[in-house]
Amino acid sequence: MRLLKAADFRRAFATGKRIRCGTFTLTAKVNEFEHPRLGLAISRKAAARAVDRNRIKRVVRESFRCQAASMPAFDIVVQATPKARTQPNDMLSRKLDDLWLELK
């Protein structure tokens, strides 16, 4: 359920549809599997400290786990903006829930 290969990330970025909010950018492309897959691209520009990047990744993974059963088969790459570093976890979850709904 995870994107791991660089080729998968490149394919998603090259031809995927982008959905944005102030905190996250989702890039989604239809995949050939029967389930959605998640890739994370949380850069040091978005959150300089590893603690902050890991917290953001944890929130994204948990939100994805809760929504994955009802999602279509997409390869989804999540990128964070610097604003994500200062947001509390519940706010990040709400923003992601809105983006997952828009993706469906």
PDB file of N, CA and C in Angstrom:
ATOM      1  N   MET A   1       0.813  -1.195   0.000  1.00  0.00           N
ATOM      2  CA  MET A   1       0.000   0.000   0.000  1.00  0.00           C
ATOM      3  C   MET A   1       0.861   1.265   0.000  1.00  0.00           C
ATOM      4  N   ARG A   2       2.163   1.104  -0.245  1.00  0.00           N
ATOM      5  CA  ARG A   2       3.039   2.270  -0.282  1.00  0.00           C
ATOM      6  C   ARG A   2       3.739   2.364  -1.629  1.00  0.00           C
ATOM      7  N   LEU A   3       3.987   3.573  -2.041  1.00  0.00           N
ATOM      8  CA  LEU A   3       4.831   3.817  -3.214  1.00  0.00           C
ATOM      9  C   LEU A   3       6.270   3.813  -2.718  1.00  0.00           C
ATOM     10  N   LEU A   4       7.105   3.003  -3.327  1.00  0.00           N
ATOM     11  CA  LEU A   4       8.485   2.917  -2.867  1.00  0.00           C
ATOM     12  C   LEU A   4       9.495   3.219  -3.970  1.00  0.00           C
ATOM     13  N   LYS A   5       9.158   2.907  -5.204  1.00  0.00           N
ATOM     14  CA  LYS A   5      10.111   3.047  -6.293  1.00  0.00           C
ATOM     15  C   LYS A   5      10.082   4.457  -6.879  1.00  0.00           C
ATOM     16  N   ALA A   6      11.253   4.930  -7.247  1.00  0.00           N
ATOM     17  CA  ALA A   6      11.368   6.266  -7.838  1.00  0.00           C
ATOM     18  C   ALA A   6      10.546   6.374  -9.116  1.00  0.00           C
ATOM     19  N   ALA A   7      10.466   5.300  -9.883  1.00  0.00           N
ATOM     20  CA  ALA A   7       9.698   5.324 -11.131  1.00  0.00           C
ATOM     21  C   ALA A   7       8.216   5.569 -10.856  1.00  0.00           C
ATOM     22  N   ASP A   8       7.700   5.000  -9.765  1.00  0.00           N
ATOM     23  CA  ASP A   8       6.297   5.222  -9.404  1.00  0.00           C
ATOM     24  C   ASP A   8       6.049   6.680  -9.041  1.00  0.00           C
ATOM     25  N   PHE A   9       6.976   7.283  -8.307  1.00  0.00           N
ATOM     26  CA  PHE A   9       6.853   8.698  -7.955  1.00  0.00           C
ATOM     27  C   PHE A   9       6.916   9.557  -9.216  1.00  0.00           C
ATOM     28  N   ARG A  10       7.868   9.259 -10.105  1.00  0.00           N
ATOM     29  CA  ARG A  10       7.997  10.032 -11.348  1.00  0.00           C
ATOM     30  C   ARG A  10       6.720   9.956 -12.176  1.00  0.00           C
ATOM     31  N   ARG A  11       6.160   8.762 -12.288  1.00  0.00           N
ATOM     32  CA  ARG A  11       4.930   8.570 -13.064  1.00  0.00           C
ATOM     33  C   ARG A  11       3.786   9.389 -12.465  1.00  0.00           C
ATOM     34  N   ALA A  12       3.677   9.379 -11.163  1.00  0.00           N
ATOM     35  CA  ALA A  12       2.608  10.141 -10.509  1.00  0.00           C
ATOM     36  C   ALA A  12       2.806  11.643 -10.724  1.00  0.00           C
ATOM     37  N   PHE A  13       4.030  12.117 -10.558  1.00  0.00           N
ATOM     38  CA  PHE A  13       4.288  13.548 -10.728  1.00  0.00           C
ATOM     39  C   PHE A  13       4.121  13.988 -12.184  1.00  0.00           C
ATOM     40  N   ALA A  14       4.487  13.130 -13.123  1.00  0.00           N
ATOM     41  CA  ALA A  14       4.445  13.510 -14.531  1.00  0.00           C
ATOM     42  C   ALA A  14       3.015  13.633 -15.058  1.00  0.00           C
ATOM     43  N   THR A  15       2.156  12.699 -14.713  1.00  0.00           N
ATOM     44  CA  THR A  15       0.831  12.671 -15.338  1.00  0.00           C
ATOM     45  C   THR A  15      -0.317  12.718 -14.336  1.00  0.00           C
ATOM     46  N   GLY A  16      -0.011  12.892 -13.064  1.00  0.00           N
ATOM     47  CA  GLY A  16      -1.066  12.872 -12.053  1.00  0.00           C
ATOM     48  C   GLY A  16      -1.820  14.185 -11.946  1.00  0.00           C
ATOM     49  N   LYS A  17      -3.000  14.094 -11.341  1.00  0.00           N
ATOM     50  CA  LYS A  17      -3.832  15.259 -11.082  1.00  0.00           C
ATOM     51  C   LYS A  17      -3.453  15.830  -9.718  1.00  0.00           C
ATOM     52  N   ARG A  18      -3.307  17.151  -9.639  1.00  0.00           N
ATOM     53  CA  ARG A  18      -2.915  17.789  -8.376  1.00  0.00           C
ATOM     54  C   ARG A  18      -4.119  18.422  -7.689  1.00  0.00           C
ATOM     55  N   ILE A  19      -4.182  18.202  -6.388  1.00  0.00           N
ATOM     56  CA  ILE A  19      -5.204  18.819  -5.547  1.00  0.00           C
ATOM     57  C   ILE A  19      -4.450  19.534  -4.427  1.00  0.00           C
ATOM     58  N   ARG A  20      -4.777  20.798  -4.202  1.00  0.00           N
ATOM     59  CA  ARG A  20      -4.023  21.593  -3.220  1.00  0.00           C
ATOM     60  C   ARG A  20      -4.917  22.220  -2.177  1.00  0.00           C
ATOM     61  N   CYS A  21      -4.343  22.368  -1.005  1.00  0.00           N
ATOM     62  CA  CYS A  21      -4.916  23.223   0.027  1.00  0.00           C
ATOM     63  C   CYS A  21      -3.715  23.984   0.594  1.00  0.00           C
ATOM     64  N   GLY A  22      -3.908  24.780   1.589  1.00  0.00           N
ATOM     65  CA  GLY A  22      -2.805  25.579   2.116  1.00  0.00           C
ATOM     66  C   GLY A  22      -1.728  24.759   2.795  1.00  0.00           C
ATOM     67  N   THR A  23      -2.033  23.533   3.159  1.00  0.00           N
ATOM     68  CA  THR A  23      -1.117  22.715   3.950  1.00  0.00           C
ATOM     69  C   THR A  23      -0.499  21.572   3.165  1.00  0.00           C
ATOM     70  N   PHE A  24      -1.249  20.984   2.236  1.00  0.00           N
ATOM     71  CA  PHE A  24      -0.786  19.811   1.503  1.00  0.00           C
ATOM     72  C   PHE A  24      -1.047  19.950   0.004  1.00  0.00           C
ATOM     73  N   THR A  25      -0.262  19.207  -0.760  1.00  0.00           N
ATOM     74  CA  THR A  25      -0.515  19.009  -2.184  1.00  0.00           C
ATOM     75  C   THR A  25      -0.580  17.503  -2.416  1.00  0.00           C
ATOM     76  N   LEU A  26      -1.673  17.046  -2.979  1.00  0.00           N
ATOM     77  CA  LEU A  26      -1.832  15.639  -3.334  1.00  0.00           C
ATOM     78  C   LEU A  26      -1.706  15.512  -4.841  1.00  0.00           C
ATOM     79  N   THR A  27      -0.904  14.564  -5.282  1.00  0.00           N
ATOM     80  CA  THR A  27      -0.792  14.243  -6.693  1.00  0.00           C
ATOM     81  C   THR A  27      -1.280  12.816  -6.850  1.00  0.00           C
ATOM     82  N   ALA A  28      -2.319  12.614  -7.652  1.00  0.00           N
ATOM     83  CA  ALA A  28      -2.942  11.297  -7.765  1.00  0.00           C
ATOM     84  C   ALA A  28      -3.000  10.852  -9.217  1.00  0.00           C
ATOM     85  N   LYS A  29      -2.697   9.591  -9.422  1.00  0.00           N
ATOM     86  CA  LYS A  29      -2.760   8.979 -10.744  1.00  0.00           C
ATOM     87  C   LYS A  29      -3.381   7.598 -10.581  1.00  0.00           C
ATOM     88  N   VAL A  30      -4.238   7.222 -11.511  1.00  0.00           N
ATOM     89  CA  VAL A  30      -4.867   5.908 -11.473  1.00  0.00           C
ATOM     90  C   VAL A  30      -3.783   4.843 -11.603  1.00  0.00           C
ATOM     91  N   ASN A  31      -3.890   3.784 -10.782  1.00  0.00           N
ATOM     92  CA  ASN A  31      -2.912   2.697 -10.873  1.00  0.00           C
ATOM     93  C   ASN A  31      -3.573   1.418 -11.363  1.00  0.00           C
ATOM     94  N   GLU A  32      -2.775   0.397 -11.617  1.00  0.00           N
ATOM     95  CA  GLU A  32      -3.285  -0.856 -12.165  1.00  0.00           C
ATOM     96  C   GLU A  32      -3.635  -1.877 -11.081  1.00  0.00           C
ATOM     97  N   PHE A  33      -3.499  -1.500  -9.831  1.00  0.00           N
ATOM     98  CA  PHE A  33      -3.824  -2.391  -8.718  1.00  0.00           C
ATOM     99  C   PHE A  33      -5.281  -2.192  -8.301  1.00  0.00           C
ATOM    100  N   GLU A  34      -5.731  -2.984  -7.370  1.00  0.00           N
ATOM    101  CA  GLU A  34      -7.110  -2.868  -6.895  1.00  0.00           C
ATOM    102  C   GLU A  34      -7.228  -2.018  -5.645  1.00  0.00           C
ATOM    103  N   HIS A  35      -6.139  -1.419  -5.224  1.00  0.00           N
ATOM    104  CA  HIS A  35      -6.137  -0.630  -3.995  1.00  0.00           C
ATOM    105  C   HIS A  35      -5.282   0.626  -4.171  1.00  0.00           C
ATOM    106  N   PRO A  36      -5.538   1.643  -3.355  1.00  0.00           N
ATOM    107  CA  PRO A  36      -4.719   2.855  -3.439  1.00  0.00           C
ATOM    108  C   PRO A  36      -3.352   2.633  -2.794  1.00  0.00           C
ATOM    109  N   ARG A  37      -2.363   3.389  -3.268  1.00  0.00           N
ATOM    110  CA  ARG A  37      -1.025   3.342  -2.681  1.00  0.00           C
ATOM    111  C   ARG A  37      -0.615   4.763  -2.315  1.00  0.00           C
ATOM    112  N   LEU A  38       0.127   4.886  -1.230  1.00  0.00           N
ATOM    113  CA  LEU A  38       0.525   6.189  -0.707  1.00  0.00           C
ATOM    114  C   LEU A  38       2.024   6.376  -0.806  1.00  0.00           C
ATOM    115  N   GLY A  39       2.432   7.548  -1.261  1.00  0.00           N
ATOM    116  CA  GLY A  39       3.831   7.949  -1.260  1.00  0.00           C
ATOM    117  C   GLY A  39       3.952   9.272  -0.531  1.00  0.00           C
ATOM    118  N   LEU A  40       5.002   9.426   0.251  1.00  0.00           N
ATOM    119  CA  LEU A  40       5.206  10.655   1.017  1.00  0.00           C
ATOM    120  C   LEU A  40       6.454  11.372   0.524  1.00  0.00           C
ATOM    121  N   ALA A  41       6.320  12.672   0.291  1.00  0.00           N
ATOM    122  CA  ALA A  41       7.446  13.506  -0.118  1.00  0.00           C
ATOM    123  C   ALA A  41       7.436  14.740   0.779  1.00  0.00           C
ATOM    124  N   ILE A  42       7.880  14.555   2.013  1.00  0.00           N
ATOM    125  CA  ILE A  42       7.898  15.639   2.991  1.00  0.00           C
ATOM    126  C   ILE A  42       9.332  16.161   3.043  1.00  0.00           C
ATOM    127  N   SER A  43       9.543  17.325   2.484  1.00  0.00           N
ATOM    128  CA  SER A  43      10.904  17.839   2.308  1.00  0.00           C
ATOM    129  C   SER A  43      11.404  18.602   3.533  1.00  0.00           C
ATOM    130  N   ARG A  44      12.705  18.826   3.556  1.00  0.00           N
ATOM    131  CA  ARG A  44      13.300  19.637   4.619  1.00  0.00           C
ATOM    132  C   ARG A  44      12.889  21.098   4.493  1.00  0.00           C
ATOM    133  N   LYS A  45      12.521  21.495   3.294  1.00  0.00           N
ATOM    134  CA  LYS A  45      12.041  22.861   3.105  1.00  0.00           C
ATOM    135  C   LYS A  45      10.712  23.054   3.834  1.00  0.00           C
ATOM    136  N   ALA A  46       9.890  22.013   3.856  1.00  0.00           N
ATOM    137  CA  ALA A  46       8.596  22.079   4.537  1.00  0.00           C
ATOM    138  C   ALA A  46       8.759  22.015   6.048  1.00  0.00           C
ATOM    139  N   ALA A  47       9.668  21.186   6.522  1.00  0.00           N
ATOM    140  CA  ALA A  47       9.895  21.041   7.960  1.00  0.00           C
ATOM    141  C   ALA A  47      11.366  20.685   8.158  1.00  0.00           C
ATOM    142  N   ALA A  48      12.122  21.608   8.699  1.00  0.00           N
ATOM    143  CA  ALA A  48      13.565  21.433   8.805  1.00  0.00           C
ATOM    144  C   ALA A  48      13.955  20.330   9.784  1.00  0.00           C
ATOM    145  N   ARG A  49      13.201  20.186  10.858  1.00  0.00           N
ATOM    146  CA  ARG A  49      13.554  19.193  11.874  1.00  0.00           C
ATOM    147  C   ARG A  49      12.932  17.838  11.547  1.00  0.00           C
ATOM    148  N   ALA A  50      13.695  16.790  11.743  1.00  0.00           N
ATOM    149  CA  ALA A  50      13.215  15.429  11.468  1.00  0.00           C
ATOM    150  C   ALA A  50      11.987  15.100  12.322  1.00  0.00           C
ATOM    151  N   VAL A  51      11.946  15.606  13.523  1.00  0.00           N
ATOM    152  CA  VAL A  51      10.801  15.365  14.406  1.00  0.00           C
ATOM    153  C   VAL A  51       9.509  15.869  13.769  1.00  0.00           C
ATOM    154  N   ASP A  52       9.573  17.039  13.169  1.00  0.00           N
ATOM    155  CA  ASP A  52       8.392  17.631  12.534  1.00  0.00           C
ATOM    156  C   ASP A  52       7.999  16.844  11.279  1.00  0.00           C
ATOM    157  N   ARG A  53       8.995  16.461  10.470  1.00  0.00           N
ATOM    158  CA  ARG A  53       8.695  15.674   9.267  1.00  0.00           C
ATOM    159  C   ARG A  53       8.066  14.336   9.635  1.00  0.00           C
ATOM    160  N   ASN A  54       8.594  13.687  10.655  1.00  0.00           N
ATOM    161  CA  ASN A  54       8.054  12.392  11.076  1.00  0.00           C
ATOM    162  C   ASN A  54       6.640  12.523  11.630  1.00  0.00           C
ATOM    163  N   ARG A  55       6.363  13.595  12.349  1.00  0.00           N
ATOM    164  CA  ARG A  55       5.013  13.815  12.878  1.00  0.00           C
ATOM    165  C   ARG A  55       4.018  13.993  11.735  1.00  0.00           C
ATOM    166  N   ILE A  56       4.394  14.779  10.738  1.00  0.00           N
ATOM    167  CA  ILE A  56       3.527  15.000   9.585  1.00  0.00           C
ATOM    168  C   ILE A  56       3.283  13.673   8.858  1.00  0.00           C
ATOM    169  N   LYS A  57       4.341  12.888   8.665  1.00  0.00           N
ATOM    170  CA  LYS A  57       4.190  11.593   7.998  1.00  0.00           C
ATOM    171  C   LYS A  57       3.266  10.667   8.778  1.00  0.00           C
ATOM    172  N   ARG A  58       3.401  10.654  10.102  1.00  0.00           N
ATOM    173  CA  ARG A  58       2.544   9.808  10.936  1.00  0.00           C
ATOM    174  C   ARG A  58       1.079  10.170  10.777  1.00  0.00           C
ATOM    175  N   VAL A  59       0.796  11.461  10.777  1.00  0.00           N
ATOM    176  CA  VAL A  59      -0.584  11.927  10.628  1.00  0.00           C
ATOM    177  C   VAL A  59      -1.130  11.555   9.251  1.00  0.00           C
ATOM    178  N   VAL A  60      -0.324  11.734   8.212  1.00  0.00           N
ATOM    179  CA  VAL A  60      -0.762  11.409   6.845  1.00  0.00           C
ATOM    180  C   VAL A  60      -1.035   9.913   6.720  1.00  0.00           C
ATOM    181  N   ARG A  61      -0.122   9.085   7.235  1.00  0.00           N
ATOM    182  CA  ARG A  61      -0.321   7.634   7.143  1.00  0.00           C
ATOM    183  C   ARG A  61      -1.585   7.191   7.871  1.00  0.00           C
ATOM    184  N   GLU A  62      -1.821   7.724   9.057  1.00  0.00           N
ATOM    185  CA  GLU A  62      -3.013   7.343   9.821  1.00  0.00           C
ATOM    186  C   GLU A  62      -4.284   7.780   9.111  1.00  0.00           C
ATOM    187  N   SER A  63      -4.287   8.976   8.573  1.00  0.00           N
ATOM    188  CA  SER A  63      -5.447   9.466   7.845  1.00  0.00           C
ATOM    189  C   SER A  63      -5.705   8.601   6.613  1.00  0.00           C
ATOM    190  N   PHE A  64      -4.637   8.230   5.914  1.00  0.00           N
ATOM    191  CA  PHE A  64      -4.764   7.376   4.727  1.00  0.00           C
ATOM    192  C   PHE A  64      -5.324   6.008   5.108  1.00  0.00           C
ATOM    193  N   ARG A  65      -4.827   5.429   6.210  1.00  0.00           N
ATOM    194  CA  ARG A  65      -5.309   4.118   6.658  1.00  0.00           C
ATOM    195  C   ARG A  65      -6.809   4.133   6.919  1.00  0.00           C
ATOM    196  N   CYS A  66      -7.283   5.211   7.508  1.00  0.00           N
ATOM    197  CA  CYS A  66      -8.711   5.315   7.822  1.00  0.00           C
ATOM    198  C   CYS A  66      -9.569   5.445   6.561  1.00  0.00           C
ATOM    199  N   GLN A  67      -9.044   6.030   5.509  1.00  0.00           N
ATOM    200  CA  GLN A  67      -9.816   6.303   4.301  1.00  0.00           C
ATOM    201  C   GLN A  67      -9.562   5.315   3.159  1.00  0.00           C
ATOM    202  N   ALA A  68      -8.528   4.502   3.238  1.00  0.00           N
ATOM    203  CA  ALA A  68      -8.089   3.686   2.111  1.00  0.00           C
ATOM    204  C   ALA A  68      -9.157   2.717   1.606  1.00  0.00           C
ATOM    205  N   ALA A  69      -9.958   2.165   2.492  1.00  0.00           N
ATOM    206  CA  ALA A  69     -10.953   1.172   2.079  1.00  0.00           C
ATOM    207  C   ALA A  69     -11.997   1.766   1.135  1.00  0.00           C
ATOM    208  N   SER A  70     -12.274   3.042   1.273  1.00  0.00           N
ATOM    209  CA  SER A  70     -13.303   3.671   0.442  1.00  0.00           C
ATOM    210  C   SER A  70     -12.733   4.455  -0.743  1.00  0.00           C
ATOM    211  N   MET A  71     -11.428   4.372  -0.958  1.00  0.00           N
ATOM    212  CA  MET A  71     -10.796   5.118  -2.046  1.00  0.00           C
ATOM    213  C   MET A  71     -10.685   4.277  -3.312  1.00  0.00           C
ATOM    214  N   PRO A  72     -10.720   4.936  -4.472  1.00  0.00           N
ATOM    215  CA  PRO A  72     -10.449   4.221  -5.722  1.00  0.00           C
ATOM    216  C   PRO A  72      -8.957   3.882  -5.831  1.00  0.00           C
ATOM    217  N   ALA A  73      -8.593   3.111  -6.817  1.00  0.00           N
ATOM    218  CA  ALA A  73      -7.210   2.670  -7.013  1.00  0.00           C
ATOM    219  C   ALA A  73      -6.373   3.800  -7.612  1.00  0.00           C
ATOM    220  N   PHE A  74      -5.724   4.549  -6.749  1.00  0.00           N
ATOM    221  CA  PHE A  74      -4.853   5.644  -7.155  1.00  0.00           C
ATOM    222  C   PHE A  74      -3.475   5.459  -6.539  1.00  0.00           C
ATOM    223  N   ASP A  75      -2.465   5.985  -7.218  1.00  0.00           N
ATOM    224  CA  ASP A  75      -1.162   6.204  -6.610  1.00  0.00           C
ATOM    225  C   ASP A  75      -1.192   7.658  -6.148  1.00  0.00           C
ATOM    226  N   ILE A  76      -1.028   7.882  -4.861  1.00  0.00           N
ATOM    227  CA  ILE A  76      -1.165   9.218  -4.286  1.00  0.00           C
ATOM    228  C   ILE A  76       0.158   9.617  -3.650  1.00  0.00           C
ATOM    229  N   VAL A  77       0.672  10.777  -4.042  1.00  0.00           N
ATOM    230  CA  VAL A  77       1.873  11.325  -3.428  1.00  0.00           C
ATOM    231  C   VAL A  77       1.459  12.574  -2.660  1.00  0.00           C
ATOM    232  N   VAL A  78       1.811  12.609  -1.385  1.00  0.00           N
ATOM    233  CA  VAL A  78       1.464  13.742  -0.517  1.00  0.00           C
ATOM    234  C   VAL A  78       2.722  14.558  -0.265  1.00  0.00           C
ATOM    235  N   GLN A  79       2.603  15.851  -0.518  1.00  0.00           N
ATOM    236  CA  GLN A  79       3.675  16.796  -0.207  1.00  0.00           C
ATOM    237  C   GLN A  79       3.135  17.792   0.812  1.00  0.00           C
ATOM    238  N   ALA A  80       3.994  18.232   1.713  1.00  0.00           N
ATOM    239  CA  ALA A  80       3.586  19.194   2.730  1.00  0.00           C
ATOM    240  C   ALA A  80       4.192  20.562   2.416  1.00  0.00           C
ATOM    241  N   THR A  81       3.492  21.599   2.854  1.00  0.00           N
ATOM    242  CA  THR A  81       4.018  22.957   2.751  1.00  0.00           C
ATOM    243  C   THR A  81       4.604  23.336   4.114  1.00  0.00           C
ATOM    244  N   PRO A  82       5.377  24.407   4.193  1.00  0.00           N
ATOM    245  CA  PRO A  82       5.919  24.828   5.483  1.00  0.00           C
ATOM    246  C   PRO A  82       4.836  25.116   6.534  1.00  0.00           C
ATOM    247  N   LYS A  83       3.639  25.440   6.098  1.00  0.00           N
ATOM    248  CA  LYS A  83       2.546  25.702   7.021  1.00  0.00           C
ATOM    249  C   LYS A  83       2.171  24.454   7.831  1.00  0.00           C
ATOM    250  N   ALA A  84       2.413  23.272   7.275  1.00  0.00           N
ATOM    251  CA  ALA A  84       2.061  22.015   7.954  1.00  0.00           C
ATOM    252  C   ALA A  84       2.834  21.839   9.258  1.00  0.00           C
ATOM    253  N   ARG A  85       4.034  22.384   9.325  1.00  0.00           N
ATOM    254  CA  ARG A  85       4.876  22.232  10.512  1.00  0.00           C
ATOM    255  C   ARG A  85       4.245  22.851  11.748  1.00  0.00           C
ATOM    256  N   THR A  86       3.515  23.935  11.570  1.00  0.00           N
ATOM    257  CA  THR A  86       2.967  24.654  12.717  1.00  0.00           C
ATOM    258  C   THR A  86       1.535  24.240  13.066  1.00  0.00           C
ATOM    259  N   GLN A  87       0.909  23.436  12.220  1.00  0.00           N
ATOM    260  CA  GLN A  87      -0.473  23.029  12.456  1.00  0.00           C
ATOM    261  C   GLN A  87      -0.528  21.874  13.457  1.00  0.00           C
ATOM    262  N   PRO A  88      -1.541  21.866  14.342  1.00  0.00           N
ATOM    263  CA  PRO A  88      -1.705  20.714  15.242  1.00  0.00           C
ATOM    264  C   PRO A  88      -2.202  19.489  14.467  1.00  0.00           C
ATOM    265  N   ASN A  89      -2.038  18.321  15.060  1.00  0.00           N
ATOM    266  CA  ASN A  89      -2.374  17.065  14.377  1.00  0.00           C
ATOM    267  C   ASN A  89      -3.829  16.999  13.943  1.00  0.00           C
ATOM    268  N   ASP A  90      -4.752  17.450  14.787  1.00  0.00           N
ATOM    269  CA  ASP A  90      -6.164  17.365  14.423  1.00  0.00           C
ATOM    270  C   ASP A  90      -6.491  18.248  13.220  1.00  0.00           C
ATOM    271  N   MET A  91      -5.836  19.390  13.105  1.00  0.00           N
ATOM    272  CA  MET A  91      -6.046  20.266  11.950  1.00  0.00           C
ATOM    273  C   MET A  91      -5.491  19.621  10.682  1.00  0.00           C
ATOM    274  N   LEU A  92      -4.324  18.987  10.789  1.00  0.00           N
ATOM    275  CA  LEU A  92      -3.757  18.285   9.630  1.00  0.00           C
ATOM    276  C   LEU A  92      -4.688  17.166   9.182  1.00  0.00           C
ATOM    277  N   SER A  93      -5.256  16.439  10.132  1.00  0.00           N
ATOM    278  CA  SER A  93      -6.180  15.352   9.796  1.00  0.00           C
ATOM    279  C   SER A  93      -7.417  15.874   9.081  1.00  0.00           C
ATOM    280  N   ARG A  94      -7.955  16.978   9.557  1.00  0.00           N
ATOM    281  CA  ARG A  94      -9.149  17.557   8.917  1.00  0.00           C
ATOM    282  C   ARG A  94      -8.851  17.997   7.493  1.00  0.00           C
ATOM    283  N   LYS A  95      -7.692  18.626   7.291  1.00  0.00           N
ATOM    284  CA  LYS A  95      -7.309  19.061   5.941  1.00  0.00           C
ATOM    285  C   LYS A  95      -7.172  17.854   5.013  1.00  0.00           C
ATOM    286  N   LEU A  96      -6.551  16.796   5.516  1.00  0.00           N
ATOM    287  CA  LEU A  96      -6.386  15.590   4.704  1.00  0.00           C
ATOM    288  C   LEU A  96      -7.730  14.941   4.395  1.00  0.00           C
ATOM    289  N   ASP A  97      -8.635  14.907   5.364  1.00  0.00           N
ATOM    290  CA  ASP A  97      -9.968  14.337   5.118  1.00  0.00           C
ATOM    291  C   ASP A  97     -10.674  15.077   3.995  1.00  0.00           C
ATOM    292  N   ASP A  98     -10.545  16.405   3.984  1.00  0.00           N
ATOM    293  CA  ASP A  98     -11.142  17.204   2.904  1.00  0.00           C
ATOM    294  C   ASP A  98     -10.524  16.844   1.546  1.00  0.00           C
ATOM    295  N   LEU A  99      -9.209  16.678   1.535  1.00  0.00           N
ATOM    296  CA  LEU A  99      -8.525  16.332   0.277  1.00  0.00           C
ATOM    297  C   LEU A  99      -8.896  14.923  -0.193  1.00  0.00           C
ATOM    298  N   TRP A 100      -9.027  13.972   0.736  1.00  0.00           N
ATOM    299  CA  TRP A 100      -9.422  12.607   0.349  1.00  0.00           C
ATOM    300  C   TRP A 100     -10.818  12.634  -0.278  1.00  0.00           C
ATOM    301  N   LEU A 101     -11.723  13.415   0.308  1.00  0.00           N
ATOM    302  CA  LEU A 101     -13.085  13.516  -0.255  1.00  0.00           C
ATOM    303  C   LEU A 101     -13.053  14.111  -1.645  1.00  0.00           C
ATOM    304  N   GLU A 102     -12.246  15.126  -1.828  1.00  0.00           N
ATOM    305  CA  GLU A 102     -12.140  15.762  -3.145  1.00  0.00           C
ATOM    306  C   GLU A 102     -11.537  14.806  -4.172  1.00  0.00           C
ATOM    307  N   LEU A 103     -10.675  13.921  -3.722  1.00  0.00           N
ATOM    308  CA  LEU A 103     -10.036  12.947  -4.608  1.00  0.00           C
ATOM    309  C   LEU A 103     -11.025  11.902  -5.106  1.00  0.00           C
ATOM    310  N   LYS A 104     -11.986  11.530  -4.269  1.00  0.00           N
ATOM    311  CA  LYS A 104     -12.981  10.513  -4.650  1.00  0.00           C
ATOM    312  C   LYS A 104     -13.842  11.047  -5.752  1.00  0.00           C
TER     313      LYS A 104
END
